[in-house]
N, C-alpha and C. Protein backbone atom coordinates (compact mmCIF):
# COMPACT_ATOMS: atom_id res chain seq x y z
N MET A 1 96.44 105.74 88.60
CA MET A 1 96.01 105.70 87.37
C MET A 1 96.11 106.85 86.56
N ARG A 2 96.47 108.06 86.97
CA ARG A 2 96.32 109.41 86.12
C ARG A 2 97.78 109.14 85.57
N ASN A 3 98.68 108.65 85.70
CA ASN A 3 100.28 108.67 85.49
C ASN A 3 100.26 107.64 84.27
N TRP A 4 99.17 106.63 84.25
CA TRP A 4 99.58 105.55 83.40
C TRP A 4 99.86 106.10 81.93
N PRO A 5 100.67 105.68 80.97
CA PRO A 5 100.75 105.94 79.84
C PRO A 5 99.56 105.31 79.26
N VAL A 6 98.95 106.22 78.20
CA VAL A 6 98.14 106.05 77.37
C VAL A 6 96.65 105.89 78.32
N ILE A 7 96.33 105.09 78.91
CA ILE A 7 95.37 104.72 79.99
C ILE A 7 94.84 106.24 80.69
N GLY A 8 96.19 106.48 81.46
CA GLY A 8 95.64 107.64 81.96
C GLY A 8 95.32 108.81 81.38
N TRP A 9 95.67 109.29 79.99
CA TRP A 9 95.85 110.27 79.45
C TRP A 9 94.30 110.18 78.83
N LEU A 10 93.55 108.64 78.21
CA LEU A 10 92.51 108.48 77.88
C LEU A 10 91.55 109.02 78.86
N ALA A 11 91.67 108.29 80.07
CA ALA A 11 91.02 108.81 81.21
C ALA A 11 90.44 110.01 81.47
N ALA A 12 91.87 110.96 81.63
CA ALA A 12 91.56 112.29 81.67
C ALA A 12 91.16 112.82 80.78
N ARG A 13 90.65 112.44 79.33
CA ARG A 13 90.15 113.14 78.33
C ARG A 13 88.49 112.70 78.44
N ASN A 14 88.26 112.06 79.15
CA ASN A 14 86.84 111.64 79.32
C ASN A 14 86.52 112.00 80.75
N ASP A 15 86.68 113.28 81.10
CA ASP A 15 86.50 113.58 82.50
C ASP A 15 86.37 112.44 83.80
N THR A 16 87.50 111.61 84.04
CA THR A 16 87.50 111.00 84.82
C THR A 16 87.86 111.79 85.62
N VAL A 17 87.25 111.73 87.03
CA VAL A 17 87.57 112.26 88.74
C VAL A 17 88.77 111.37 88.91
N PHE A 18 90.04 111.80 89.34
CA PHE A 18 91.24 111.00 90.04
C PHE A 18 91.21 111.20 91.61
N LEU A 19 91.23 110.48 92.11
CA LEU A 19 90.85 110.11 93.91
C LEU A 19 92.15 110.14 94.23
N ARG A 20 92.94 111.34 95.31
CA ARG A 20 94.06 110.96 95.58
C ARG A 20 94.08 109.87 96.75
N ARG A 21 94.32 108.90 97.12
CA ARG A 21 93.88 108.15 98.15
C ARG A 21 94.64 108.50 99.57
N GLY A 22 93.80 108.06 100.48
CA GLY A 22 94.63 108.62 102.05
C GLY A 22 94.44 110.18 102.44
N SER A 23 93.64 111.12 101.57
CA SER A 23 93.85 112.49 101.79
C SER A 23 92.13 113.14 101.81
N CYS A 24 91.85 112.83 103.21
CA CYS A 24 90.50 113.38 103.29
C CYS A 24 90.39 114.70 102.74
N GLY A 25 90.77 115.69 102.96
CA GLY A 25 90.89 117.15 102.06
C GLY A 25 91.02 116.59 100.70
N HIS A 26 91.78 115.86 100.03
CA HIS A 26 91.22 115.91 98.60
C HIS A 26 89.99 114.58 98.52
N ALA A 27 89.47 114.17 99.42
CA ALA A 27 88.11 113.58 99.02
C ALA A 27 87.09 114.44 98.95
N ARG A 28 87.04 115.75 99.91
CA ARG A 28 86.44 116.33 99.96
C ARG A 28 85.90 117.52 98.69
N ILE A 29 87.19 117.95 97.83
CA ILE A 29 87.50 118.42 96.83
C ILE A 29 86.62 117.72 95.57
N ILE A 30 87.02 116.21 95.57
CA ILE A 30 86.64 115.40 94.48
C ILE A 30 84.88 115.28 94.57
N ASN A 31 84.46 115.38 96.14
CA ASN A 31 82.92 115.07 96.39
C ASN A 31 82.68 115.87 95.64
N ALA A 32 83.15 117.51 96.02
CA ALA A 32 82.70 118.71 95.37
C ALA A 32 82.33 118.85 93.88
N GLU A 33 83.43 118.20 93.61
CA GLU A 33 83.51 118.12 91.75
C GLU A 33 82.45 117.13 91.36
N ILE A 34 82.29 116.08 92.05
CA ILE A 34 81.29 115.18 91.36
C ILE A 34 79.98 115.59 91.58
N GLY A 35 79.67 116.24 92.84
CA GLY A 35 78.05 116.85 93.19
C GLY A 35 77.99 117.66 92.20
N ALA A 36 79.02 118.38 91.47
CA ALA A 36 78.91 119.72 90.22
C ALA A 36 78.46 118.91 89.33
N GLN A 37 79.16 117.79 88.93
CA GLN A 37 78.80 116.85 87.70
C GLN A 37 77.26 116.44 87.59
N LEU A 38 77.26 115.87 89.00
CA LEU A 38 75.41 115.82 88.76
C LEU A 38 74.71 116.52 89.09
N ASP A 39 74.66 117.66 89.47
CA ASP A 39 73.91 118.38 89.54
C ASP A 39 73.72 119.10 88.13
N GLY A 40 74.82 118.97 87.22
CA GLY A 40 74.89 119.46 85.77
C GLY A 40 74.35 118.73 84.84
N GLY A 41 73.45 117.16 85.59
CA GLY A 41 72.98 116.47 84.72
C GLY A 41 73.75 115.06 84.01
N ARG A 42 74.99 115.28 84.55
CA ARG A 42 75.96 114.06 84.05
C ARG A 42 76.01 112.78 84.97
N ASN A 43 75.96 111.82 84.55
CA ASN A 43 76.45 110.55 85.37
C ASN A 43 77.31 110.43 85.57
N VAL A 44 77.66 110.02 86.90
CA VAL A 44 79.12 109.63 87.42
C VAL A 44 79.30 108.23 88.28
N ALA A 45 80.11 107.38 87.58
CA ALA A 45 80.45 106.02 88.23
C ALA A 45 81.26 106.24 89.30
N VAL A 46 81.25 105.50 90.26
CA VAL A 46 82.26 105.34 91.41
C VAL A 46 82.24 104.07 91.68
N PHE A 47 83.54 103.40 92.01
CA PHE A 47 83.67 102.34 92.55
C PHE A 47 84.13 102.11 94.30
N PRO A 48 83.02 102.00 94.90
CA PRO A 48 83.25 102.24 96.32
C PRO A 48 83.57 100.97 96.61
N GLU A 49 84.52 100.38 96.30
CA GLU A 49 85.37 99.31 96.82
C GLU A 49 86.55 100.40 96.98
N GLY A 50 86.85 101.07 95.90
CA GLY A 50 88.34 101.76 96.27
C GLY A 50 89.42 101.48 95.98
N THR A 51 89.17 99.73 95.43
CA THR A 51 90.23 99.07 95.01
C THR A 51 89.67 98.22 93.92
N THR A 52 90.84 96.98 93.26
CA THR A 52 90.51 96.01 92.67
C THR A 52 90.99 95.00 92.96
N THR A 53 90.03 93.72 92.66
CA THR A 53 90.22 92.20 93.61
C THR A 53 90.43 91.27 92.25
N ASP A 54 90.15 90.10 92.38
CA ASP A 54 90.57 89.55 91.14
C ASP A 54 88.94 89.02 90.72
N GLY A 55 88.18 89.65 91.56
CA GLY A 55 86.03 89.18 91.23
C GLY A 55 85.53 88.25 91.62
N THR A 56 86.06 87.69 93.07
CA THR A 56 85.97 86.31 93.30
C THR A 56 85.20 86.96 94.64
N ARG A 57 85.63 88.41 95.41
CA ARG A 57 85.15 88.57 96.08
C ARG A 57 84.71 90.26 96.11
N VAL A 58 83.51 90.55 97.04
CA VAL A 58 83.11 92.02 96.85
C VAL A 58 83.65 92.56 98.27
N LEU A 59 84.17 93.59 97.96
CA LEU A 59 85.08 94.04 99.63
C LEU A 59 83.92 95.04 100.21
N HIS A 60 84.40 95.83 101.31
CA HIS A 60 83.54 96.71 102.10
C HIS A 60 83.69 97.89 101.07
N PHE A 61 82.38 98.61 100.97
CA PHE A 61 82.17 99.72 100.22
C PHE A 61 82.46 101.02 100.98
N HIS A 62 83.30 102.01 100.55
CA HIS A 62 83.46 103.33 101.20
C HIS A 62 82.18 103.92 101.25
N ALA A 63 81.73 104.40 102.02
CA ALA A 63 80.55 105.00 102.23
C ALA A 63 80.58 106.75 101.87
N ALA A 64 81.99 107.16 101.74
CA ALA A 64 81.95 108.86 101.55
C ALA A 64 81.87 108.92 100.12
N LEU A 65 82.13 107.76 99.49
CA LEU A 65 82.22 107.58 97.62
C LEU A 65 80.92 108.10 97.15
N LEU A 66 79.64 107.49 98.05
CA LEU A 66 78.22 108.08 97.76
C LEU A 66 77.69 108.91 98.03
N GLN A 67 78.70 109.90 99.11
CA GLN A 67 78.15 111.16 99.69
C GLN A 67 77.88 112.42 98.50
N PRO A 68 78.33 112.60 97.56
CA PRO A 68 77.86 113.70 96.53
C PRO A 68 76.28 113.21 96.12
N ALA A 69 76.12 112.35 95.61
CA ALA A 69 74.73 111.80 95.47
C ALA A 69 73.83 112.18 96.56
N ILE A 70 74.03 112.04 97.77
CA ILE A 70 73.04 111.99 98.59
C ILE A 70 72.90 113.50 98.96
N ALA A 71 74.20 114.36 98.95
CA ALA A 71 74.16 115.48 99.43
C ALA A 71 73.60 116.54 98.24
N SER A 72 73.55 116.15 96.96
CA SER A 72 72.80 116.56 95.75
C SER A 72 71.63 116.15 95.70
N GLY A 73 70.88 115.26 95.81
CA GLY A 73 69.60 114.31 95.77
C GLY A 73 69.62 113.40 94.63
N HIS A 74 70.21 112.91 94.38
CA HIS A 74 70.23 112.26 93.18
C HIS A 74 70.61 110.61 93.57
N PRO A 75 70.02 110.37 92.90
CA PRO A 75 69.64 108.47 93.03
C PRO A 75 70.59 107.75 93.06
N GLU A 76 71.05 106.90 93.44
CA GLU A 76 72.03 105.95 93.44
C GLU A 76 71.69 104.43 92.39
N GLN A 77 72.58 104.30 91.52
CA GLN A 77 71.92 103.11 90.83
C GLN A 77 73.30 102.15 90.78
N ALA A 78 73.16 101.26 91.27
CA ALA A 78 74.14 99.85 91.37
C ALA A 78 74.64 99.06 90.27
N LEU A 79 75.64 99.25 90.08
CA LEU A 79 75.91 97.97 88.81
C LEU A 79 77.10 96.81 89.20
N ALA A 80 76.45 95.33 88.98
CA ALA A 80 77.75 94.62 89.24
C ALA A 80 78.12 94.27 87.67
N ILE A 81 79.41 93.86 88.10
CA ILE A 81 80.13 93.95 86.73
C ILE A 81 80.79 92.79 87.09
N ARG A 82 80.70 91.62 85.95
CA ARG A 82 81.53 90.47 86.17
C ARG A 82 82.10 90.41 85.05
N TYR A 83 83.18 89.38 85.18
CA TYR A 83 84.28 88.60 83.86
C TYR A 83 83.82 87.29 83.64
N LEU A 84 83.43 86.55 82.76
CA LEU A 84 82.84 85.32 82.95
C LEU A 84 83.64 84.53 81.07
N THR A 85 83.33 83.38 81.34
CA THR A 85 83.95 82.65 80.32
C THR A 85 82.54 82.34 79.71
N PRO A 86 82.21 81.97 78.11
CA PRO A 86 81.15 81.78 77.63
C PRO A 86 80.36 80.85 78.59
N ASP A 87 80.38 79.87 79.14
CA ASP A 87 79.77 79.16 79.96
C ASP A 87 79.38 79.60 81.19
N GLY A 88 79.63 80.77 81.37
CA GLY A 88 79.33 81.28 82.65
C GLY A 88 80.44 81.00 83.92
N ARG A 89 81.58 80.45 84.00
CA ARG A 89 82.36 80.64 84.77
C ARG A 89 82.95 81.94 85.32
N HIS A 90 83.32 82.10 86.18
CA HIS A 90 84.56 83.47 86.60
C HIS A 90 85.76 83.26 85.53
N GLU A 91 86.12 84.40 85.26
CA GLU A 91 87.43 84.26 84.26
C GLU A 91 88.17 85.44 84.97
N ARG A 92 89.37 84.90 85.37
CA ARG A 92 90.36 85.60 86.11
C ARG A 92 91.03 86.83 85.19
N ALA A 93 91.41 86.69 83.53
CA ALA A 93 91.92 87.14 82.82
C ALA A 93 92.37 88.77 83.41
N PRO A 94 90.64 89.26 83.28
CA PRO A 94 90.85 90.67 83.58
C PRO A 94 91.49 91.36 85.05
N ALA A 95 91.79 90.42 85.98
CA ALA A 95 91.86 90.84 87.21
C ALA A 95 93.56 91.62 87.29
N TYR A 96 93.17 92.96 88.13
CA TYR A 96 94.23 93.76 87.89
C TYR A 96 94.61 93.66 89.50
N ASP A 97 94.81 93.04 90.06
CA ASP A 97 95.18 92.92 91.54
C ASP A 97 96.69 92.54 91.84
N GLY A 98 96.96 92.67 92.96
CA GLY A 98 97.86 92.04 93.75
C GLY A 98 99.25 92.55 93.00
N ASP A 99 100.06 92.07 92.75
CA ASP A 99 101.42 92.10 92.00
C ASP A 99 101.16 91.93 90.38
N THR A 100 100.08 92.14 89.88
CA THR A 100 100.02 92.21 88.63
C THR A 100 100.39 93.70 88.09
N SER A 101 101.06 93.49 86.96
CA SER A 101 101.16 94.95 86.57
C SER A 101 99.76 95.04 85.37
N LEU A 102 100.15 95.95 84.67
CA LEU A 102 98.81 96.65 84.03
C LEU A 102 99.43 96.23 82.51
N GLY A 103 100.56 95.86 82.33
CA GLY A 103 101.02 94.94 80.86
C GLY A 103 100.75 93.31 81.20
N GLN A 104 100.68 92.88 82.45
CA GLN A 104 100.74 91.37 82.38
C GLN A 104 99.12 91.22 82.26
N CYS A 105 98.02 92.03 82.60
CA CYS A 105 96.67 92.09 82.84
C CYS A 105 96.64 92.26 81.36
N LEU A 106 96.76 93.35 80.64
CA LEU A 106 96.44 93.31 79.38
C LEU A 106 96.64 92.21 78.59
N ALA A 107 98.00 91.69 78.44
CA ALA A 107 98.67 90.54 77.78
C ALA A 107 97.58 89.44 78.18
N ARG A 108 97.31 89.18 79.47
CA ARG A 108 95.97 87.91 79.69
C ARG A 108 94.58 88.47 78.82
N ILE A 109 94.25 89.52 79.22
CA ILE A 109 93.10 89.84 78.49
C ILE A 109 93.36 89.37 76.70
N ILE A 110 94.23 89.92 76.07
CA ILE A 110 94.21 89.34 75.14
C ILE A 110 94.31 88.33 74.49
N ALA A 111 95.04 87.50 75.37
CA ALA A 111 95.31 85.68 75.51
C ALA A 111 93.93 84.96 75.57
N THR A 112 93.13 85.83 76.16
CA THR A 112 92.08 84.98 76.33
C THR A 112 90.97 84.84 75.29
N ARG A 113 90.54 83.31 74.74
CA ARG A 113 89.80 83.48 73.53
C ARG A 113 88.67 84.25 73.49
N ALA A 114 87.88 84.06 74.64
CA ALA A 114 86.25 84.52 74.64
C ALA A 114 86.48 85.02 75.92
N LEU A 115 85.77 86.20 76.18
CA LEU A 115 85.33 86.92 77.68
C LEU A 115 84.17 87.47 77.60
N VAL A 116 83.53 87.27 78.61
CA VAL A 116 81.98 88.16 78.70
C VAL A 116 81.85 88.72 79.68
N THR A 117 81.72 90.21 79.21
CA THR A 117 81.38 91.09 80.37
C THR A 117 79.68 91.02 80.61
N ARG A 118 79.57 91.15 82.05
CA ARG A 118 78.44 90.99 82.42
C ARG A 118 77.93 92.24 83.38
N ILE A 119 76.92 92.98 82.79
CA ILE A 119 76.59 93.96 83.79
C ILE A 119 75.42 93.91 84.25
N ASP A 120 75.11 93.89 85.25
CA ASP A 120 73.56 93.78 86.00
C ASP A 120 73.15 94.76 86.59
N THR A 121 71.85 95.61 86.62
CA THR A 121 71.76 96.65 87.10
C THR A 121 70.51 96.61 87.96
N MET A 122 70.66 97.14 89.12
CA MET A 122 69.65 97.25 90.07
C MET A 122 69.22 98.41 90.11
N PRO A 123 67.90 98.30 91.11
CA PRO A 123 66.73 99.50 90.74
C PRO A 123 67.42 100.94 91.60
N ALA A 124 67.34 101.89 90.64
CA ALA A 124 67.97 103.08 91.13
C ALA A 124 66.97 103.02 92.83
N LEU A 125 68.12 103.97 93.91
CA LEU A 125 67.70 104.54 95.08
C LEU A 125 67.71 105.24 95.47
N ALA A 126 66.32 106.29 95.75
CA ALA A 126 66.56 107.59 96.31
C ALA A 126 67.41 107.77 97.31
N THR A 127 67.86 108.95 97.20
CA THR A 127 68.96 109.48 98.14
C THR A 127 68.30 110.48 99.28
N GLU A 128 67.06 111.37 98.59
CA GLU A 128 66.66 112.20 99.51
C GLU A 128 65.83 111.25 100.50
N ASN A 129 66.25 112.13 101.41
CA ASN A 129 65.32 111.31 102.79
C ASN A 129 65.14 109.83 102.86
N GLY A 130 66.45 109.55 102.45
CA GLY A 130 67.11 108.12 102.41
C GLY A 130 67.68 108.00 103.52
N PRO A 131 68.14 106.52 103.67
CA PRO A 131 69.25 106.15 105.09
C PRO A 131 70.40 107.17 104.92
N PRO A 132 71.10 107.01 105.96
CA PRO A 132 72.07 107.85 106.18
C PRO A 132 73.36 106.73 105.08
N ARG A 133 74.41 107.29 104.87
CA ARG A 133 75.29 107.04 103.58
C ARG A 133 76.19 105.96 103.90
N ARG A 134 76.47 105.18 104.95
CA ARG A 134 76.64 104.25 105.58
C ARG A 134 75.90 102.87 105.41
N GLU A 135 74.65 103.40 105.63
CA GLU A 135 73.28 102.34 105.68
C GLU A 135 73.31 102.21 103.68
N LEU A 136 73.24 103.24 103.50
CA LEU A 136 73.05 103.14 101.56
C LEU A 136 74.01 102.38 101.11
N ALA A 137 75.25 102.50 101.65
CA ALA A 137 76.46 101.87 101.08
C ALA A 137 76.44 100.27 101.14
N ARG A 138 75.78 99.89 102.51
CA ARG A 138 75.54 98.74 102.95
C ARG A 138 74.36 98.13 101.96
N ILE A 139 73.21 98.51 101.87
CA ILE A 139 72.42 98.37 100.89
C ILE A 139 72.69 98.42 99.64
N VAL A 140 73.42 99.17 98.99
CA VAL A 140 74.02 99.00 97.75
C VAL A 140 75.09 97.40 97.43
N ARG A 141 75.66 97.59 98.56
CA ARG A 141 76.66 96.45 98.51
C ARG A 141 75.91 94.98 98.68
N ASP A 142 75.24 94.85 99.50
CA ASP A 142 74.51 93.79 99.40
C ASP A 142 73.49 93.51 98.13
N SER A 143 73.09 94.29 97.39
CA SER A 143 72.49 94.29 96.07
C SER A 143 73.42 93.44 94.90
N ILE A 144 74.31 94.06 95.07
CA ILE A 144 75.69 93.55 94.13
C ILE A 144 75.95 92.28 94.77
N VAL A 145 76.31 92.22 95.90
CA VAL A 145 76.54 90.73 96.70
C VAL A 145 75.82 89.88 95.77
N ALA A 146 74.08 89.90 96.03
CA ALA A 146 73.10 88.85 95.89
C ALA A 146 72.99 88.73 94.05
N VAL A 147 73.36 89.50 93.71
CA VAL A 147 73.42 89.22 92.03
C VAL A 147 74.85 88.21 91.81
N VAL A 148 75.88 88.98 92.55
CA VAL A 148 77.41 88.33 92.03
C VAL A 148 77.57 87.19 92.39
N THR A 149 77.07 86.81 94.19
CA THR A 149 76.94 85.80 94.73
C THR A 149 76.02 85.44 95.24
N PRO A 150 74.78 84.55 94.63
CA PRO A 150 73.23 84.55 94.96
C PRO A 150 73.32 83.68 96.27
N THR A 151 74.31 82.61 96.67
CA THR A 151 73.90 81.81 97.49
C THR A 151 74.79 82.23 99.13
N ALA A 152 76.07 83.50 98.55
CA ALA A 152 76.48 83.77 99.95
C ALA A 152 75.57 84.42 100.96
N THR A 153 76.29 84.62 102.12
CA THR A 153 75.29 85.45 103.10
C THR A 153 75.80 87.01 103.11
N ARG A 154 75.06 87.49 103.75
CA ARG A 154 75.42 89.46 103.50
C ARG A 154 76.45 89.74 104.80
N GLY A 155 77.22 90.98 104.83
CA GLY A 155 77.70 91.04 105.95
C GLY A 155 79.06 91.83 105.45
N ASP A 156 79.91 92.33 106.01
CA ASP A 156 81.30 92.82 106.11
C ASP A 156 82.01 91.89 105.43
N ARG A 157 81.93 90.70 105.50
CA ARG A 157 83.11 89.56 104.98
C ARG A 157 83.03 89.45 104.00
N GLN A 158 83.96 88.99 103.33
CA GLN A 158 84.34 89.32 102.26
C GLN A 158 83.65 87.88 101.43
N GLU A 159 83.26 88.27 100.54
CA GLU A 159 82.25 87.13 99.52
C GLU A 159 82.92 86.21 98.83
N HIS A 160 82.60 85.05 98.11
CA HIS A 160 83.07 84.09 97.46
C HIS A 160 82.02 83.67 96.58
N PRO A 161 82.05 83.40 95.03
CA PRO A 161 80.91 82.86 94.81
C PRO A 161 80.74 81.48 94.67
N PRO A 162 79.61 80.68 94.24
CA PRO A 162 79.91 79.32 94.25
C PRO A 162 80.78 78.30 93.29
């Protein structure tokens, strides 16, 4: 994303922390940077799925992305983001996944007559003396799945809304 025209530049100007996928050493550096931001009173958003989907399922959460909050004792605040039609149905236009290019995704969004973005917030979870990070990741994921897919069963399988 850092190398995307315009969007990468805008993201960098807004203190985005870019993670180089597949590099354990880089993840440690990023976690230290995020921990420093949290300790400095900043809020940091992470996307623990580590990738994008079409919005019809919630993937496994990478627990390592939650470690900076645990290490610095800051609470975790889960958010569920959904894109809907005005009548509440799932809207695929903003999905940036698979073979979809950024241009195609932006064109679909622009062509959509009405798009509702719904953000649900879950109660903050204390990390001090809390569960280990894998358990915390499961708890956070389950809370999002419960909001996004109320009738789905919980677990590590991919969830589908009704």
